[in-house]
Amino acid sequence: MTPPRFAAALSEHPVASHAVGEVAGEVLETLGGDEPDLLVVFASPHFVGAMDDLTFALGNLLEPRVLLGATVVGVVGGAHEVEDSPGLAVFAVSFPEASLTPAALDVARTPDGAAITGWPELAGDPSTLLLLADPFSFPLDGFLARLRDDRPELQVIGGAASAARGPGGNRLVLDDRVTASGAVGVFVDGVPVRAVVSQGCRPVGAPYVITRGEGNRIQELAGRSAVDRVQDTAAAASEDDRALMRAGLHLGIVVDEHRVDFERGDFLVRNVLGGDPDTGALVVGDEITVGQTVQFHVRDAIAADEDLREMLAGEEASAALLFTCNGRGVRFFGEPDHDAGVLDQLLGPLPVAGAFCAGEVGPVGGRSFLHGFTASLALF
């Protein structure tokens, strides 16, 4: 079997034709003139109006078997993150033995409700779906929930386009098709892809079992009101942790209840949206079930840095795609290039391309979810 070959390139040139020439030239040089089987393209908002011409030119120059892309608020290339300025990043893979099945997904209204269209005929059981979606037109959270039921073994890695603040402003690319809605992806089989998801939080206090609740409201944790449990956790916490809890409290929901001890990576982290002191209930950003184990979490730049480093510890890769939250970056960490820099420091140097997303997709506890403030990586 021919080993995969990887290339990544970044251009910060503000003119689309020049940016295309720079990234295409670097990819061709790295791959020795070979045509990539998969080409993933991330373009900053400056190139939204030029996406048809830009992707057409890349397709002609590089002739990939599958071309996948999206417009995003910022891009990643190597150890560098480009925020608030023009950027074009590409990721190219040559793996002829791999099975690649492209998919252009959309939503159709039916008498029974919304239905996802465009699901392709799949040969075998692909292990990975790389997915890019428009957050204004595609129900990404609901789609992933359906996949968890229908195809629990399928890991989904990707993110939501972030170049626009309203419907119709993003662009998604699949081969020669450029659209402003739906989702695009490629099913990958025959090449191992390892997912790493860093949610940027750390637990505080003790884990509790939900003993009463419904929907997204938790009434009781271990037999006492949920609000009381928050107060107990705050009383036992350090002053720094209490400040973080006041700034934004999160709840980690254990994904695999068969584990005895719970650590980072065992929790699906969701926001605590509010509390009702009269009833003692907490409202969280997900559906809950009585019997689930949960633990409160806090998030800051230090916790996010520690979490990413811990999740990458012991990993190895030849190349990577990085999907990081548009709420991270320099405004969160206080320094540029944080996520890309940590990846380069721990696993690099290696070909890396990525995007700042309006929601990140990746597996936690073996099942794929939509996240926020997260760095989700596909390691090849």
Protein backbone atom coordinates (compact mmCIF):
# COMPACT_ATOMS: atom_id res chain seq x y z
CA MET A 1 0.00 0.00 0.00
CA THR A 2 1.32 3.41 -0.98
CA PRO A 3 1.68 5.59 2.13
CA PRO A 4 -0.37 8.80 2.12
CA ARG A 5 1.37 12.06 1.25
CA PHE A 6 0.27 15.38 2.71
CA ALA A 7 0.68 19.06 1.93
CA ALA A 8 -0.68 22.26 3.41
CA ALA A 9 -0.28 25.84 2.28
CA LEU A 10 -1.30 29.31 3.42
CA SER A 11 -1.51 32.59 1.54
CA GLU A 12 -2.25 35.98 3.07
CA HIS A 13 -2.37 37.78 -0.27
CA PRO A 14 -5.55 39.90 -0.56
CA VAL A 15 -6.02 39.20 -4.29
CA ALA A 16 -7.69 35.85 -4.92
CA SER A 17 -5.76 34.97 -8.07
CA HIS A 18 -2.42 35.61 -6.37
CA ALA A 19 -3.49 33.64 -3.28
CA VAL A 20 -4.52 30.69 -5.46
CA GLY A 21 -1.20 30.74 -7.25
CA GLU A 22 0.75 30.74 -4.00
CA VAL A 23 -1.07 27.83 -2.35
CA ALA A 24 -1.32 25.75 -5.52
CA GLY A 25 2.38 26.17 -6.21
CA GLU A 26 3.33 25.08 -2.71
CA VAL A 27 1.06 22.02 -2.84
CA LEU A 28 2.41 20.93 -6.22
CA GLU A 29 5.98 21.35 -5.01
CA THR A 30 5.36 19.36 -1.82
CA LEU A 31 3.53 16.52 -3.58
CA GLY A 32 6.09 16.41 -6.38
CA GLY A 33 3.51 17.27 -9.02
CA ASP A 34 1.11 14.50 -8.01
CA GLU A 35 -2.59 15.25 -8.06
CA PRO A 36 -4.16 15.24 -4.58
CA ASP A 37 -7.02 12.87 -3.92
CA LEU A 38 -8.56 15.24 -1.39
CA LEU A 39 -8.22 19.01 -1.29
CA VAL A 40 -9.76 20.97 1.61
CA VAL A 41 -10.02 24.75 1.20
CA PHE A 42 -10.68 27.42 3.83
CA ALA A 43 -11.11 31.04 2.73
CA SER A 44 -11.57 34.18 4.82
CA PRO A 45 -14.60 36.48 4.34
CA HIS A 46 -12.57 38.63 1.95
CA PHE A 47 -12.93 35.89 -0.69
CA VAL A 48 -16.66 35.14 -0.40
CA GLY A 49 -17.44 36.90 -3.66
CA ALA A 50 -14.59 35.14 -5.44
CA MET A 51 -15.26 31.58 -4.29
CA ASP A 52 -16.58 30.38 -7.67
CA ASP A 53 -13.49 31.56 -9.52
CA LEU A 54 -11.13 30.65 -6.69
CA THR A 55 -12.23 27.03 -6.38
CA PHE A 56 -12.52 26.63 -10.16
CA ALA A 57 -8.89 27.71 -10.50
CA LEU A 58 -7.72 25.42 -7.70
CA GLY A 59 -9.60 22.52 -9.30
CA ASN A 60 -7.95 23.15 -12.66
CA LEU A 61 -4.47 23.57 -11.22
CA LEU A 62 -4.48 20.67 -8.76
CA GLU A 63 -7.17 18.35 -10.22
CA PRO A 64 -8.21 16.75 -6.92
CA ARG A 65 -10.47 13.73 -6.82
CA VAL A 66 -12.61 15.54 -4.20
CA LEU A 67 -12.56 19.25 -3.39
CA LEU A 68 -14.17 20.38 -0.13
CA GLY A 69 -14.28 23.92 1.23
CA ALA A 70 -15.93 26.70 3.21
CA THR A 71 -15.64 30.38 3.97
CA VAL A 72 -14.71 31.12 7.57
CA VAL A 73 -13.89 34.14 9.71
CA GLY A 74 -10.25 33.07 10.07
CA VAL A 75 -7.94 30.39 8.72
CA VAL A 76 -5.03 28.30 9.95
CA GLY A 77 -1.92 27.32 8.07
CA GLY A 78 0.94 25.46 9.73
CA ALA A 79 1.65 27.09 13.10
CA HIS A 80 0.01 30.38 12.07
CA GLU A 81 -3.56 31.58 12.61
CA VAL A 82 -4.88 34.38 10.37
CA GLU A 83 -7.61 36.41 12.06
CA ASP A 84 -9.34 39.54 10.74
CA SER A 85 -7.25 39.71 7.56
CA PRO A 86 -7.23 37.94 4.18
CA GLY A 87 -6.26 34.30 4.31
CA LEU A 88 -6.51 31.22 2.09
CA ALA A 89 -5.50 27.85 3.54
CA VAL A 90 -5.50 24.49 1.77
CA PHE A 91 -4.89 20.92 2.88
CA ALA A 92 -4.02 18.28 0.28
CA VAL A 93 -3.78 14.51 0.65
CA SER A 94 -2.60 11.96 -1.83
CA PHE A 95 -3.88 8.52 -0.81
CA PRO A 96 -4.96 6.61 -3.93
CA GLU A 97 -6.06 3.50 -2.00
CA ALA A 98 -8.54 5.44 0.13
CA SER A 99 -12.26 5.40 -0.54
CA LEU A 100 -13.66 8.94 -0.79
CA THR A 101 -17.39 9.54 -1.13
CA PRO A 102 -18.47 13.18 -1.43
CA ALA A 103 -21.83 14.33 -0.07
CA ALA A 104 -23.85 17.51 -0.63
CA LEU A 105 -26.55 17.59 2.05
CA ASP A 106 -29.59 19.83 2.29
CA VAL A 107 -32.87 20.15 4.16
CA ALA A 108 -36.23 19.43 2.54
CA ARG A 109 -39.59 20.22 4.13
CA THR A 110 -41.96 17.25 4.15
CA PRO A 111 -45.41 16.66 5.69
CA ASP A 112 -43.62 14.80 8.48
CA GLY A 113 -41.14 17.61 9.11
CA ALA A 114 -37.62 18.38 7.93
CA ALA A 115 -35.67 15.68 6.11
CA ILE A 116 -32.00 15.55 5.13
CA THR A 117 -31.44 15.01 1.42
CA GLY A 118 -28.31 14.15 -0.54
CA TRP A 119 -27.13 11.16 1.51
CA PRO A 120 -24.92 9.19 -0.89
CA GLU A 121 -24.72 5.48 -1.56
CA LEU A 122 -21.84 4.26 0.59
CA ALA A 123 -19.57 1.34 -0.23
CA GLY A 124 -18.89 -0.45 3.05
CA ASP A 125 -18.81 1.33 6.39
CA PRO A 126 -16.60 4.43 6.23
CA SER A 127 -15.03 5.35 9.54
CA THR A 128 -14.87 9.14 9.18
CA LEU A 129 -16.99 11.95 7.78
CA LEU A 130 -15.30 15.31 7.29
CA LEU A 131 -18.19 17.80 7.40
CA LEU A 132 -18.63 21.53 6.76
CA ALA A 133 -22.04 23.11 7.29
CA ASP A 134 -23.83 26.44 7.05
CA PRO A 135 -25.16 27.19 10.56
CA PHE A 136 -28.13 29.24 9.31
CA SER A 137 -29.65 26.61 7.02
CA PHE A 138 -28.51 23.19 8.21
CA PRO A 139 -29.61 21.58 11.53
CA LEU A 140 -26.16 20.35 12.46
CA ASP A 141 -27.02 19.37 16.03
CA GLY A 142 -30.10 17.38 14.96
CA PHE A 143 -28.21 15.74 12.10
CA LEU A 144 -25.48 14.54 14.47
CA ALA A 145 -28.09 13.23 16.89
CA ARG A 146 -29.59 11.16 14.08
CA LEU A 147 -26.17 9.82 13.11
CA ARG A 148 -25.50 8.82 16.72
CA ASP A 149 -28.58 6.60 16.49
CA ASP A 150 -28.20 5.32 12.95
CA ARG A 151 -24.40 5.12 12.56
CA PRO A 152 -22.83 5.26 16.03
CA GLU A 153 -19.52 3.96 14.71
CA LEU A 154 -19.09 6.91 12.32
CA GLN A 155 -16.86 9.68 13.66
CA VAL A 156 -17.69 13.13 12.32
CA ILE A 157 -15.07 15.88 12.37
CA GLY A 158 -15.50 19.41 11.05
CA GLY A 159 -17.24 22.67 11.75
CA ALA A 160 -19.71 25.34 10.78
CA ALA A 161 -18.89 28.07 8.26
CA SER A 162 -18.38 31.41 9.99
CA ALA A 163 -17.74 34.07 7.36
CA ALA A 164 -21.26 35.56 7.62
CA ARG A 165 -23.56 36.89 10.34
CA GLY A 166 -26.76 35.92 8.57
CA PRO A 167 -28.30 33.51 6.06
CA GLY A 168 -26.87 33.42 2.56
CA GLY A 169 -23.52 34.93 3.42
CA ASN A 170 -21.40 31.80 3.71
CA ARG A 171 -20.09 29.66 0.86
CA LEU A 172 -19.65 25.89 0.86
CA VAL A 173 -17.77 24.04 -1.86
CA LEU A 174 -17.97 20.47 -3.10
CA ASP A 175 -16.05 19.83 -6.32
CA ASP A 176 -17.47 22.27 -8.91
CA ARG A 177 -20.50 23.22 -6.80
CA VAL A 178 -20.52 26.41 -4.69
CA THR A 179 -23.57 26.94 -2.48
CA ALA A 180 -24.72 29.27 0.28
CA SER A 181 -26.66 26.71 2.31
CA GLY A 182 -26.74 23.12 3.51
CA ALA A 183 -23.67 21.06 4.27
CA VAL A 184 -20.86 19.41 2.33
CA GLY A 185 -18.63 16.55 3.34
CA VAL A 186 -16.59 13.56 2.34
CA PHE A 187 -16.71 10.05 3.78
CA VAL A 188 -13.18 8.70 4.22
CA ASP A 189 -12.33 5.02 4.43
CA GLY A 190 -9.06 3.16 4.07
CA VAL A 191 -6.93 5.75 5.86
CA PRO A 192 -6.96 5.98 9.66
CA VAL A 193 -8.07 9.34 11.02
CA ARG A 194 -7.75 10.01 14.75
CA ALA A 195 -10.07 12.61 16.27
CA VAL A 196 -8.96 14.79 19.18
CA VAL A 197 -11.49 17.13 20.82
CA SER A 198 -10.38 19.75 23.34
CA GLN A 199 -13.38 21.46 24.95
CA GLY A 200 -11.20 23.89 26.86
CA CYS A 201 -12.72 23.28 30.29
CA ARG A 202 -11.73 21.69 33.58
CA PRO A 203 -14.00 20.16 36.22
CA VAL A 204 -14.61 21.70 39.63
CA GLY A 205 -16.20 20.11 42.67
CA ALA A 206 -17.56 16.59 42.73
CA PRO A 207 -19.59 14.59 40.21
CA TYR A 208 -23.32 14.20 40.89
CA VAL A 209 -26.07 11.98 39.54
CA ILE A 210 -29.17 13.70 38.17
CA THR A 211 -32.02 12.49 40.38
CA ARG A 212 -34.80 14.72 39.04
CA GLY A 213 -35.16 16.70 35.84
CA GLU A 214 -36.71 16.85 32.40
CA GLY A 215 -35.85 18.33 29.03
CA ASN A 216 -33.03 20.79 29.62
CA ARG A 217 -33.96 21.50 33.27
CA ILE A 218 -32.17 19.79 36.15
CA GLN A 219 -34.21 19.88 39.35
CA GLU A 220 -32.08 17.74 41.64
CA LEU A 221 -28.52 16.51 41.79
CA ALA A 222 -27.93 13.59 44.19
CA GLY A 223 -31.18 14.32 46.02
CA ARG A 224 -30.72 18.05 46.54
CA SER A 225 -31.73 21.01 44.41
CA ALA A 226 -29.37 21.75 41.54
CA VAL A 227 -28.95 25.37 42.68
CA ASP A 228 -27.90 24.14 46.13
CA ARG A 229 -25.27 21.94 44.50
CA VAL A 230 -23.89 24.96 42.63
CA GLN A 231 -23.66 26.84 45.92
CA ASP A 232 -21.95 23.87 47.59
CA THR A 233 -19.41 23.67 44.75
CA ALA A 234 -18.71 27.41 44.91
CA ALA A 235 -18.28 27.34 48.69
CA ALA A 236 -15.64 24.61 48.43
CA ALA A 237 -13.84 26.19 45.44
CA SER A 238 -10.89 28.57 45.40
CA GLU A 239 -11.51 32.27 44.95
CA ASP A 240 -10.21 32.04 41.37
CA ASP A 241 -12.60 29.21 40.55
CA ARG A 242 -15.51 31.08 42.14
CA ALA A 243 -14.73 34.02 39.86
CA LEU A 244 -14.74 31.71 36.84
CA MET A 245 -18.04 30.17 37.95
CA ARG A 246 -19.57 33.65 38.17
CA ALA A 247 -18.19 34.54 34.72
CA GLY A 248 -19.69 31.45 33.07
CA LEU A 249 -20.63 28.11 34.56
CA HIS A 250 -20.59 24.94 32.47
CA LEU A 251 -21.82 21.42 33.02
CA GLY A 252 -19.99 18.29 31.94
CA ILE A 253 -22.24 15.35 31.10
CA VAL A 254 -20.57 11.94 31.30
CA VAL A 255 -20.85 10.17 27.94
CA ASP A 256 -19.78 6.68 29.01
CA GLU A 257 -21.40 5.76 32.33
CA HIS A 258 -19.49 2.45 32.42
CA ARG A 259 -16.33 4.22 33.55
CA VAL A 260 -15.50 4.25 37.25
CA ASP A 261 -13.46 7.46 37.33
CA PHE A 262 -14.11 10.48 35.13
CA GLU A 263 -11.41 12.68 33.62
CA ARG A 264 -11.06 15.28 30.89
CA GLY A 265 -12.40 13.86 27.66
CA ASP A 266 -15.10 11.87 29.45
CA PHE A 267 -17.51 14.83 29.61
CA LEU A 268 -19.66 16.50 27.00
CA VAL A 269 -19.51 20.14 28.12
CA ARG A 270 -22.59 22.32 27.84
CA ASN A 271 -23.41 25.85 29.08
CA VAL A 272 -25.44 26.45 32.20
CA LEU A 273 -27.99 28.95 30.86
CA GLY A 274 -29.53 30.00 34.16
CA GLY A 275 -31.00 28.99 37.48
CA ASP A 276 -34.31 29.40 39.26
CA PRO A 277 -33.81 30.12 42.98
CA ASP A 278 -37.51 29.51 43.67
CA THR A 279 -37.56 25.95 42.31
CA GLY A 280 -33.82 25.22 42.61
CA ALA A 281 -33.61 24.14 38.98
CA LEU A 282 -30.79 24.72 36.51
CA VAL A 283 -31.32 25.22 32.78
CA VAL A 284 -28.55 23.77 30.59
CA GLY A 285 -27.82 23.84 26.90
CA ASP A 286 -28.77 20.24 26.14
CA GLU A 287 -31.34 17.57 26.91
CA ILE A 288 -30.64 15.67 30.13
CA THR A 289 -31.73 12.29 31.48
CA VAL A 290 -32.32 11.19 35.05
CA GLY A 291 -29.47 8.91 36.08
CA GLN A 292 -26.75 10.72 34.14
CA THR A 293 -23.57 11.69 35.95
CA VAL A 294 -22.57 15.34 35.66
CA GLN A 295 -19.91 17.67 37.03
CA PHE A 296 -19.59 21.44 36.95
CA HIS A 297 -16.84 22.91 34.76
CA VAL A 298 -15.10 26.25 34.34
CA ARG A 299 -13.31 27.71 31.35
CA ASP A 300 -10.54 30.24 30.93
CA ALA A 301 -7.44 30.60 28.77
CA ILE A 302 -5.28 28.65 31.21
CA ALA A 303 -7.76 25.76 31.40
CA ALA A 304 -8.14 25.73 27.60
CA ASP A 305 -4.37 25.65 27.12
CA GLU A 306 -3.97 22.84 29.65
CA ASP A 307 -6.82 20.86 28.12
CA LEU A 308 -5.45 21.05 24.59
CA ARG A 309 -1.98 20.02 25.73
CA GLU A 310 -3.37 17.11 27.75
CA MET A 311 -5.57 15.89 24.90
CA LEU A 312 -2.61 15.95 22.48
CA ALA A 313 -0.19 14.27 24.89
CA GLY A 314 1.06 11.02 23.44
CA GLU A 315 -0.52 11.58 20.03
CA GLU A 316 1.38 11.21 16.76
CA ALA A 317 0.42 12.47 13.32
CA SER A 318 1.75 13.06 9.83
CA ALA A 319 -0.73 15.89 9.13
CA ALA A 320 -3.79 17.53 10.68
CA LEU A 321 -6.95 19.49 10.06
CA LEU A 322 -7.83 21.93 12.85
CA PHE A 323 -11.34 23.25 13.50
CA THR A 324 -11.20 25.82 16.29
CA CYS A 325 -13.90 28.09 17.69
CA ASN A 326 -14.18 31.67 16.49
CA GLY A 327 -14.40 32.58 20.19
CA ARG A 328 -10.86 31.33 20.79
CA GLY A 329 -7.92 32.93 19.02
CA VAL A 330 -6.09 36.03 20.18
CA ARG A 331 -9.13 37.57 21.88
CA PHE A 332 -9.41 34.60 24.22
CA PHE A 333 -5.78 33.57 24.75
CA GLY A 334 -4.28 37.07 24.61
CA GLU A 335 -1.69 35.92 22.09
CA PRO A 336 -1.77 34.93 18.41
CA ASP A 337 -1.45 31.42 17.01
CA HIS A 338 -2.30 29.58 20.23
CA ASP A 339 -4.03 26.38 19.04
CA ALA A 340 -1.94 26.03 15.90
CA GLY A 341 1.19 26.80 17.91
CA VAL A 342 0.47 24.13 20.54
CA LEU A 343 -0.23 21.58 17.81
CA ASP A 344 3.04 22.49 16.08
CA GLN A 345 4.97 22.39 19.34
CA LEU A 346 3.70 18.99 20.45
CA LEU A 347 3.29 17.13 17.16
CA GLY A 348 5.02 19.23 14.52
CA PRO A 349 6.29 20.45 12.33
CA LEU A 350 3.63 18.91 10.09
CA PRO A 351 1.22 19.99 7.34
CA VAL A 352 -1.75 21.71 9.02
CA ALA A 353 -4.69 23.68 7.69
CA GLY A 354 -7.78 24.77 9.53
CA ALA A 355 -10.57 27.18 10.21
CA PHE A 356 -12.18 29.31 12.90
CA CYS A 357 -15.71 27.92 13.05
CA ALA A 358 -19.14 28.91 14.36
CA GLY A 359 -19.45 25.50 16.03
CA GLU A 360 -17.05 22.58 16.00
CA VAL A 361 -17.83 18.90 15.40
CA GLY A 362 -16.01 15.97 16.92
CA PRO A 363 -16.48 12.81 18.97
CA VAL A 364 -16.55 12.65 22.77
CA GLY A 365 -16.79 9.22 24.33
CA GLY A 366 -16.96 7.63 20.90
CA ARG A 367 -19.97 9.65 19.68
CA SER A 368 -19.94 12.83 17.61
CA PHE A 369 -21.42 16.10 18.87
CA LEU A 370 -21.60 19.80 18.05
CA HIS A 371 -19.44 21.87 20.41
CA GLY A 372 -18.64 25.48 21.22
CA PHE A 373 -15.33 27.05 22.33
CA THR A 374 -13.66 23.82 21.25
CA ALA A 375 -10.68 22.76 19.18
CA SER A 376 -11.52 19.65 17.14
CA LEU A 377 -8.72 17.99 15.21
CA ALA A 378 -8.50 15.32 12.53
CA LEU A 379 -5.09 13.70 12.85
CA PHE A 380 -3.85 11.73 9.85
